[in-house]
PDB file of N, CA and C in Angstrom:
ATOM      1  N   UNK A   1     -31.455 -38.935  79.821  1.00  0.00           N
ATOM      2  CA  UNK A   1     -30.973 -38.237  78.562  1.00  0.00           C
ATOM      3  C   UNK A   1     -31.644 -37.255  78.575  1.00  0.00           C
ATOM      4  N   UNK A   2     -30.992 -35.787  77.868  1.00  0.00           N
ATOM      5  CA  UNK A   2     -31.783 -34.442  77.335  1.00  0.00           C
ATOM      6  C   UNK A   2     -32.215 -33.999  76.650  1.00  0.00           C
ATOM      7  N   UNK A   3     -32.752 -33.250  76.772  1.00  0.00           N
ATOM      8  CA  UNK A   3     -33.704 -33.203  75.683  1.00  0.00           C
ATOM      9  C   UNK A   3     -32.292 -32.755  74.107  1.00  0.00           C
ATOM     10  N   UNK A   4     -31.943 -32.175  74.713  1.00  0.00           N
ATOM     11  CA  UNK A   4     -30.309 -32.232  73.415  1.00  0.00           C
ATOM     12  C   UNK A   4     -30.618 -33.418  72.778  1.00  0.00           C
ATOM     13  N   UNK A   5     -30.099 -34.428  73.565  1.00  0.00           N
ATOM     14  CA  UNK A   5     -29.397 -35.750  73.072  1.00  0.00           C
ATOM     15  C   UNK A   5     -30.808 -36.239  72.252  1.00  0.00           C
ATOM     16  N   UNK A   6     -32.053 -36.005  72.840  1.00  0.00           N
ATOM     17  CA  UNK A   6     -33.380 -36.790  72.263  1.00  0.00           C
ATOM     18  C   UNK A   6     -33.546 -36.279  70.705  1.00  0.00           C
ATOM     19  N   UNK A   7     -32.948 -35.088  71.037  1.00  0.00           N
ATOM     20  CA  UNK A   7     -33.293 -34.142  69.716  1.00  0.00           C
ATOM     21  C   UNK A   7     -32.311 -34.410  68.646  1.00  0.00           C
ATOM     22  N   UNK A   8     -31.226 -34.820  68.831  1.00  0.00           N
ATOM     23  CA  UNK A   8     -30.390 -34.883  67.983  1.00  0.00           C
ATOM     24  C   UNK A   8     -30.734 -36.505  66.722  1.00  0.00           C
ATOM     25  N   UNK A   9     -30.814 -37.010  68.452  1.00  0.00           N
ATOM     26  CA  UNK A   9     -31.536 -38.510  67.879  1.00  0.00           C
ATOM     27  C   UNK A   9     -32.272 -38.469  66.812  1.00  0.00           C
ATOM     28  N   UNK A  10     -33.709 -38.050  67.567  1.00  0.00           N
ATOM     29  CA  UNK A  10     -35.198 -37.614  66.457  1.00  0.00           C
ATOM     30  C   UNK A  10     -34.756 -37.573  65.159  1.00  0.00           C
ATOM     31  N   UNK A  11     -33.931 -36.099  65.229  1.00  0.00           N
ATOM     32  CA  UNK A  11     -33.739 -35.816  64.059  1.00  0.00           C
ATOM     33  C   UNK A  11     -32.803 -36.909  63.478  1.00  0.00           C
ATOM     34  N   UNK A  12     -31.047 -37.336  63.802  1.00  0.00           N
ATOM     35  CA  UNK A  12     -31.025 -38.463  63.374  1.00  0.00           C
ATOM     36  C   UNK A  12     -32.298 -39.303  62.345  1.00  0.00           C
ATOM     37  N   UNK A  13     -33.242 -40.004  63.075  1.00  0.00           N
ATOM     38  CA  UNK A  13     -33.364 -40.992  62.862  1.00  0.00           C
ATOM     39  C   UNK A  13     -34.375 -41.149  61.481  1.00  0.00           C
ATOM     40  N   UNK A  14     -34.891 -39.552  61.845  1.00  0.00           N
ATOM     41  CA  UNK A  14     -35.639 -38.519  60.494  1.00  0.00           C
ATOM     42  C   UNK A  14     -35.330 -38.855  59.146  1.00  0.00           C
ATOM     43  N   UNK A  15     -33.572 -38.064  59.386  1.00  0.00           N
ATOM     44  CA  UNK A  15     -32.684 -38.017  58.120  1.00  0.00           C
ATOM     45  C   UNK A  15     -32.921 -39.195  57.587  1.00  0.00           C
ATOM     46  N   UNK A  16     -32.282 -40.541  58.537  1.00  0.00           N
ATOM     47  CA  UNK A  16     -32.305 -42.163  58.249  1.00  0.00           C
ATOM     48  C   UNK A  16     -33.451 -42.108  57.557  1.00  0.00           C
ATOM     49  N   UNK A  17     -35.192 -42.450  57.592  1.00  0.00           N
ATOM     50  CA  UNK A  17     -35.919 -41.957  57.111  1.00  0.00           C
ATOM     51  C   UNK A  17     -36.289 -42.062  55.645  1.00  0.00           C
ATOM     52  N   UNK A  18     -35.505 -40.685  55.297  1.00  0.00           N
ATOM     53  CA  UNK A  18     -35.937 -39.988  54.515  1.00  0.00           C
ATOM     54  C   UNK A  18     -34.723 -40.124  53.354  1.00  0.00           C
ATOM     55  N   UNK A  19     -33.872 -40.108  53.525  1.00  0.00           N
ATOM     56  CA  UNK A  19     -32.776 -41.585  52.865  1.00  0.00           C
ATOM     57  C   UNK A  19     -33.149 -42.309  52.071  1.00  0.00           C
ATOM     58  N   UNK A  20     -33.470 -42.880  53.559  1.00  0.00           N
ATOM     59  CA  UNK A  20     -34.445 -44.691  52.691  1.00  0.00           C
ATOM     60  C   UNK A  20     -35.236 -44.223  51.688  1.00  0.00           C
ATOM     61  N   UNK A  21     -36.384 -42.823  52.482  1.00  0.00           N
ATOM     62  CA  UNK A  21     -37.152 -43.535  51.119  1.00  0.00           C
ATOM     63  C   UNK A  21     -36.400 -42.546  50.017  1.00  0.00           C
ATOM     64  N   UNK A  22     -36.103 -41.520  49.473  1.00  0.00           N
ATOM     65  CA  UNK A  22     -35.411 -41.740  48.489  1.00  0.00           C
ATOM     66  C   UNK A  22     -35.318 -42.977  47.319  1.00  0.00           C
ATOM     67  N   UNK A  23     -33.576 -43.311  48.809  1.00  0.00           N
ATOM     68  CA  UNK A  23     -33.810 -44.608  48.084  1.00  0.00           C
ATOM     69  C   UNK A  23     -34.357 -45.621  47.182  1.00  0.00           C
ATOM     70  N   UNK A  24     -35.658 -45.420  47.605  1.00  0.00           N
ATOM     71  CA  UNK A  24     -36.472 -46.262  47.261  1.00  0.00           C
ATOM     72  C   UNK A  24     -37.361 -46.153  46.539  1.00  0.00           C
ATOM     73  N   UNK A  25     -37.470 -44.502  46.092  1.00  0.00           N
ATOM     74  CA  UNK A  25     -38.018 -43.773  45.365  1.00  0.00           C
ATOM     75  C   UNK A  25     -36.928 -44.036  43.382  1.00  0.00           C
ATOM     76  N   UNK A  26     -35.355 -44.199  44.338  1.00  0.00           N
ATOM     77  CA  UNK A  26     -34.844 -44.414  42.879  1.00  0.00           C
ATOM     78  C   UNK A  26     -35.249 -45.192  42.442  1.00  0.00           C
ATOM     79  N   UNK A  27     -34.969 -45.830  43.137  1.00  0.00           N
ATOM     80  CA  UNK A  27     -34.907 -48.029  42.584  1.00  0.00           C
ATOM     81  C   UNK A  27     -36.258 -47.527  41.843  1.00  0.00           C
ATOM     82  N   UNK A  28     -37.352 -47.802  42.330  1.00  0.00           N
ATOM     83  CA  UNK A  28     -38.937 -47.603  41.392  1.00  0.00           C
ATOM     84  C   UNK A  28     -38.447 -47.136  40.575  1.00  0.00           C
ATOM     85  N   UNK A  29     -38.028 -45.673  40.514  1.00  0.00           N
ATOM     86  CA  UNK A  29     -37.763 -44.963  39.016  1.00  0.00           C
ATOM     87  C   UNK A  29     -37.276 -45.696  38.677  1.00  0.00           C
ATOM     88  N   UNK A  30     -35.501 -46.212  38.594  1.00  0.00           N
ATOM     89  CA  UNK A  30     -34.910 -46.838  38.086  1.00  0.00           C
ATOM     90  C   UNK A  30     -35.508 -48.288  37.499  1.00  0.00           C
ATOM     91  N   UNK A  31     -36.783 -49.150  37.903  1.00  0.00           N
ATOM     92  CA  UNK A  31     -37.071 -50.062  37.708  1.00  0.00           C
ATOM     93  C   UNK A  31     -38.377 -50.018  36.667  1.00  0.00           C
ATOM     94  N   UNK A  32     -39.402 -48.779  36.654  1.00  0.00           N
ATOM     95  CA  UNK A  32     -40.208 -48.639  35.693  1.00  0.00           C
ATOM     96  C   UNK A  32     -39.090 -47.712  34.544  1.00  0.00           C
ATOM     97  N   UNK A  33     -38.423 -47.369  33.947  1.00  0.00           N
ATOM     98  CA  UNK A  33     -37.311 -47.030  33.142  1.00  0.00           C
ATOM     99  C   UNK A  33     -37.103 -48.503  32.678  1.00  0.00           C
ATOM    100  N   UNK A  34     -36.375 -49.319  33.172  1.00  0.00           N
ATOM    101  CA  UNK A  34     -35.581 -50.661  32.777  1.00  0.00           C
ATOM    102  C   UNK A  34     -37.010 -51.420  31.845  1.00  0.00           C
ATOM    103  N   UNK A  35     -38.918 -51.379  33.216  1.00  0.00           N
ATOM    104  CA  UNK A  35     -39.890 -52.128  32.238  1.00  0.00           C
ATOM    105  C   UNK A  35     -40.471 -51.257  30.797  1.00  0.00           C
ATOM    106  N   UNK A  36     -39.803 -50.108  30.914  1.00  0.00           N
ATOM    107  CA  UNK A  36     -40.561 -48.700  29.729  1.00  0.00           C
ATOM    108  C   UNK A  36     -39.609 -49.750  28.695  1.00  0.00           C
ATOM    109  N   UNK A  37     -38.317 -49.439  28.582  1.00  0.00           N
ATOM    110  CA  UNK A  37     -37.670 -49.751  27.337  1.00  0.00           C
ATOM    111  C   UNK A  37     -37.517 -51.051  27.288  1.00  0.00           C
ATOM    112  N   UNK A  38     -37.415 -52.492  28.341  1.00  0.00           N
ATOM    113  CA  UNK A  38     -37.881 -53.747  27.601  1.00  0.00           C
ATOM    114  C   UNK A  38     -39.512 -53.921  26.928  1.00  0.00           C
ATOM    115  N   UNK A  39     -40.611 -53.167  27.360  1.00  0.00           N
ATOM    116  CA  UNK A  39     -41.552 -52.769  26.300  1.00  0.00           C
ATOM    117  C   UNK A  39     -41.261 -52.793  24.973  1.00  0.00           C
ATOM    118  N   UNK A  40     -40.995 -51.006  24.507  1.00  0.00           N
ATOM    119  CA  UNK A  40     -41.065 -50.380  23.684  1.00  0.00           C
ATOM    120  C   UNK A  40     -39.194 -51.416  22.815  1.00  0.00           C
ATOM    121  N   UNK A  41     -38.725 -51.791  23.196  1.00  0.00           N
ATOM    122  CA  UNK A  41     -37.815 -52.997  22.401  1.00  0.00           C
ATOM    123  C   UNK A  41     -38.909 -53.558  21.885  1.00  0.00           C
ATOM    124  N   UNK A  42     -39.874 -54.468  22.914  1.00  0.00           N
ATOM    125  CA  UNK A  42     -41.037 -55.609  22.604  1.00  0.00           C
ATOM    126  C   UNK A  42     -42.435 -54.954  21.302  1.00  0.00           C
ATOM    127  N   UNK A  43     -42.146 -53.689  21.782  1.00  0.00           N
ATOM    128  CA  UNK A  43     -43.194 -53.143  20.358  1.00  0.00           C
ATOM    129  C   UNK A  43     -42.501 -53.232  18.768  1.00  0.00           C
ATOM    130  N   UNK A  44     -41.194 -52.577  18.841  1.00  0.00           N
ATOM    131  CA  UNK A  44     -40.337 -52.738  18.320  1.00  0.00           C
ATOM    132  C   UNK A  44     -40.162 -53.704  17.310  1.00  0.00           C
ATOM    133  N   UNK A  45     -39.892 -55.063  18.317  1.00  0.00           N
ATOM    134  CA  UNK A  45     -40.079 -56.013  17.463  1.00  0.00           C
ATOM    135  C   UNK A  45     -41.097 -57.230  16.908  1.00  0.00           C
ATOM    136  N   UNK A  46     -42.377 -56.509  17.720  1.00  0.00           N
ATOM    137  CA  UNK A  46     -43.276 -56.972  16.837  1.00  0.00           C
ATOM    138  C   UNK A  46     -43.574 -55.962  15.430  1.00  0.00           C
ATOM    139  N   UNK A  47     -43.365 -54.802  15.211  1.00  0.00           N
ATOM    140  CA  UNK A  47     -44.173 -53.253  13.764  1.00  0.00           C
ATOM    141  C   UNK A  47     -42.748 -54.492  13.071  1.00  0.00           C
ATOM    142  N   UNK A  48     -41.393 -55.124  13.689  1.00  0.00           N
ATOM    143  CA  UNK A  48     -40.547 -55.201  12.542  1.00  0.00           C
ATOM    144  C   UNK A  48     -40.851 -56.589  12.197  1.00  0.00           C
ATOM    145  N   UNK A  49     -41.606 -57.747  13.001  1.00  0.00           N
ATOM    146  CA  UNK A  49     -42.238 -59.418  12.576  1.00  0.00           C
ATOM    147  C   UNK A  49     -43.189 -58.618  11.271  1.00  0.00           C
ATOM    148  N   UNK A  50     -44.356 -57.540  11.932  1.00  0.00           N
ATOM    149  CA  UNK A  50     -45.435 -57.501  11.310  1.00  0.00           C
ATOM    150  C   UNK A  50     -45.490 -56.745  10.107  1.00  0.00           C
ATOM    151  N   UNK A  51     -44.165 -55.860   9.770  1.00  0.00           N
ATOM    152  CA  UNK A  51     -42.929 -55.334   8.151  1.00  0.00           C
ATOM    153  C   UNK A  51     -42.826 -56.615   7.520  1.00  0.00           C
ATOM    154  N   UNK A  52     -41.980 -57.578   8.234  1.00  0.00           N
ATOM    155  CA  UNK A  52     -41.907 -58.474   7.882  1.00  0.00           C
ATOM    156  C   UNK A  52     -43.256 -59.649   6.547  1.00  0.00           C
ATOM    157  N   UNK A  53     -44.045 -60.246   8.060  1.00  0.00           N
ATOM    158  CA  UNK A  53     -45.456 -60.548   7.367  1.00  0.00           C
ATOM    159  C   UNK A  53     -46.117 -59.778   6.068  1.00  0.00           C
ATOM    160  N   UNK A  54     -46.094 -58.453   6.073  1.00  0.00           N
ATOM    161  CA  UNK A  54     -47.247 -58.114   5.134  1.00  0.00           C
ATOM    162  C   UNK A  54     -45.838 -58.511   3.951  1.00  0.00           C
ATOM    163  N   UNK A  55     -44.676 -58.129   4.230  1.00  0.00           N
ATOM    164  CA  UNK A  55     -44.010 -58.302   3.013  1.00  0.00           C
ATOM    165  C   UNK A  55     -43.594 -60.100   2.223  1.00  0.00           C
ATOM    166  N   UNK A  56     -44.832 -60.607   3.526  1.00  0.00           N
ATOM    167  CA  UNK A  56     -44.648 -62.368   2.473  1.00  0.00           C
ATOM    168  C   UNK A  56     -45.389 -62.396   2.267  1.00  0.00           C
ATOM    169  N   UNK A  57     -46.672 -61.530   2.667  1.00  0.00           N
ATOM    170  CA  UNK A  57     -48.207 -61.711   2.185  1.00  0.00           C
ATOM    171  C   UNK A  57     -48.474 -60.596   0.601  1.00  0.00           C
ATOM    172  N   UNK A  58     -47.474 -59.764   0.798  1.00  0.00           N
ATOM    173  CA  UNK A  58     -47.772 -58.756  -0.654  1.00  0.00           C
ATOM    174  C   UNK A  58     -46.718 -59.563  -1.622  1.00  0.00           C
ATOM    175  N   UNK A  59     -45.727 -60.533  -1.440  1.00  0.00           N
ATOM    176  CA  UNK A  59     -45.055 -61.223  -2.228  1.00  0.00           C
ATOM    177  C   UNK A  59     -46.239 -62.736  -2.624  1.00  0.00           C
ATOM    178  N   UNK A  60     -46.801 -63.038  -1.746  1.00  0.00           N
ATOM    179  CA  UNK A  60     -47.548 -64.458  -1.972  1.00  0.00           C
ATOM    180  C   UNK A  60     -48.213 -64.055  -2.760  1.00  0.00           C
ATOM    181  N   UNK A  61     -49.683 -62.503  -2.773  1.00  0.00           N
ATOM    182  CA  UNK A  61     -50.218 -62.307  -3.017  1.00  0.00           C
ATOM    183  C   UNK A  61     -50.380 -61.538  -4.901  1.00  0.00           C
ATOM    184  N   UNK A  62     -48.811 -61.694  -5.102  1.00  0.00           N
ATOM    185  CA  UNK A  62     -47.785 -61.217  -6.254  1.00  0.00           C
ATOM    186  C   UNK A  62     -48.210 -62.021  -7.276  1.00  0.00           C
ATOM    187  N   UNK A  63     -47.493 -63.714  -6.178  1.00  0.00           N
ATOM    188  CA  UNK A  63     -47.953 -64.397  -6.854  1.00  0.00           C
ATOM    189  C   UNK A  63     -48.636 -65.065  -7.268  1.00  0.00           C
ATOM    190  N   UNK A  64     -49.271 -65.352  -6.338  1.00  0.00           N
ATOM    191  CA  UNK A  64     -50.983 -65.599  -7.123  1.00  0.00           C
ATOM    192  C   UNK A  64     -51.914 -65.202  -8.168  1.00  0.00           C
ATOM    193  N   UNK A  65     -51.658 -63.797  -8.335  1.00  0.00           N
ATOM    194  CA  UNK A  65     -51.753 -62.848  -9.079  1.00  0.00           C
ATOM    195  C   UNK A  65     -51.398 -62.856 -10.598  1.00  0.00           C
ATOM    196  N   UNK A  66     -50.200 -63.403 -10.668  1.00  0.00           N
ATOM    197  CA  UNK A  66     -49.493 -64.287 -11.343  1.00  0.00           C
ATOM    198  C   UNK A  66     -49.885 -65.510 -12.074  1.00  0.00           C
ATOM    199  N   UNK A  67     -50.205 -66.225 -11.281  1.00  0.00           N
ATOM    200  CA  UNK A  67     -50.933 -67.524 -11.197  1.00  0.00           C
ATOM    201  C   UNK A  67     -51.945 -67.357 -12.060  1.00  0.00           C
ATOM    202  N   UNK A  68     -52.837 -66.769 -12.106  1.00  0.00           N
ATOM    203  CA  UNK A  68     -53.868 -66.457 -12.233  1.00  0.00           C
ATOM    204  C   UNK A  68     -54.486 -65.466 -13.559  1.00  0.00           C
ATOM    205  N   UNK A  69     -53.314 -64.652 -13.772  1.00  0.00           N
ATOM    206  CA  UNK A  69     -53.181 -63.862 -14.480  1.00  0.00           C
ATOM    207  C   UNK A  69     -52.352 -64.807 -15.884  1.00  0.00           C
ATOM    208  N   UNK A  70     -51.910 -65.721 -16.094  1.00  0.00           N
ATOM    209  CA  UNK A  70     -51.327 -67.016 -16.623  1.00  0.00           C
ATOM    210  C   UNK A  70     -52.350 -67.889 -17.031  1.00  0.00           C
ATOM    211  N   UNK A  71     -53.165 -68.065 -16.331  1.00  0.00           N
ATOM    212  CA  UNK A  71     -54.202 -69.236 -15.852  1.00  0.00           C
ATOM    213  C   UNK A  71     -55.196 -68.741 -17.316  1.00  0.00           C
ATOM    214  N   UNK A  72     -54.892 -66.982 -17.279  1.00  0.00           N
ATOM    215  CA  UNK A  72     -56.140 -66.395 -18.005  1.00  0.00           C
ATOM    216  C   UNK A  72     -56.026 -66.437 -19.198  1.00  0.00           C
ATOM    217  N   UNK A  73     -54.742 -65.704 -19.260  1.00  0.00           N
ATOM    218  CA  UNK A  73     -54.102 -65.906 -20.628  1.00  0.00           C
ATOM    219  C   UNK A  73     -54.358 -67.396 -21.376  1.00  0.00           C
ATOM    220  N   UNK A  74     -53.830 -68.348 -20.704  1.00  0.00           N
ATOM    221  CA  UNK A  74     -53.593 -69.619 -21.536  1.00  0.00           C
ATOM    222  C   UNK A  74     -55.223 -69.783 -21.620  1.00  0.00           C
ATOM    223  N   UNK A  75     -56.537 -69.926 -21.325  1.00  0.00           N
ATOM    224  CA  UNK A  75     -57.507 -70.134 -21.345  1.00  0.00           C
ATOM    225  C   UNK A  75     -58.267 -69.049 -22.401  1.00  0.00           C
ATOM    226  N   UNK A  76     -57.695 -67.895 -22.608  1.00  0.00           N
ATOM    227  CA  UNK A  76     -57.641 -66.723 -23.791  1.00  0.00           C
ATOM    228  C   UNK A  76     -56.981 -67.106 -25.112  1.00  0.00           C
ATOM    229  N   UNK A  77     -55.738 -67.738 -24.836  1.00  0.00           N
ATOM    230  CA  UNK A  77     -55.229 -68.214 -26.478  1.00  0.00           C
ATOM    231  C   UNK A  77     -55.680 -69.706 -26.748  1.00  0.00           C
ATOM    232  N   UNK A  78     -56.368 -70.545 -25.986  1.00  0.00           N
ATOM    233  CA  UNK A  78     -56.835 -71.609 -26.467  1.00  0.00           C
ATOM    234  C   UNK A  78     -58.217 -71.344 -26.479  1.00  0.00           C
ATOM    235  N   UNK A  79     -59.021 -70.428 -26.720  1.00  0.00           N
ATOM    236  CA  UNK A  79     -59.848 -69.728 -27.262  1.00  0.00           C
ATOM    237  C   UNK A  79     -61.211 -69.925 -26.756  1.00  0.00           C
ATOM    238  N   UNK A  80     -61.770 -70.203 -25.115  1.00  0.00           N
ATOM    239  CA  UNK A  80     -62.482 -70.454 -24.245  1.00  0.00           C
ATOM    240  C   UNK A  80     -62.921 -68.556 -24.183  1.00  0.00           C
TER     241      UNK A  80
END
């Protein structure tokens, strides 16, 4: 095999390796982007859940405070 043909084969192999490497890097970048989006979505769901729980806690505390106030008023009116 002449040297020119060998050089063409080697150049072709090198080009093929470069293309394969770029494709793998692209796939890794896309997978990382998907993982990032999934993580951000989970964070948003957690934040929404926390907000909902905080609202429920506030509601329960408000009801508890109202009960205590009513009990105190009842005791004050009864003369205790």
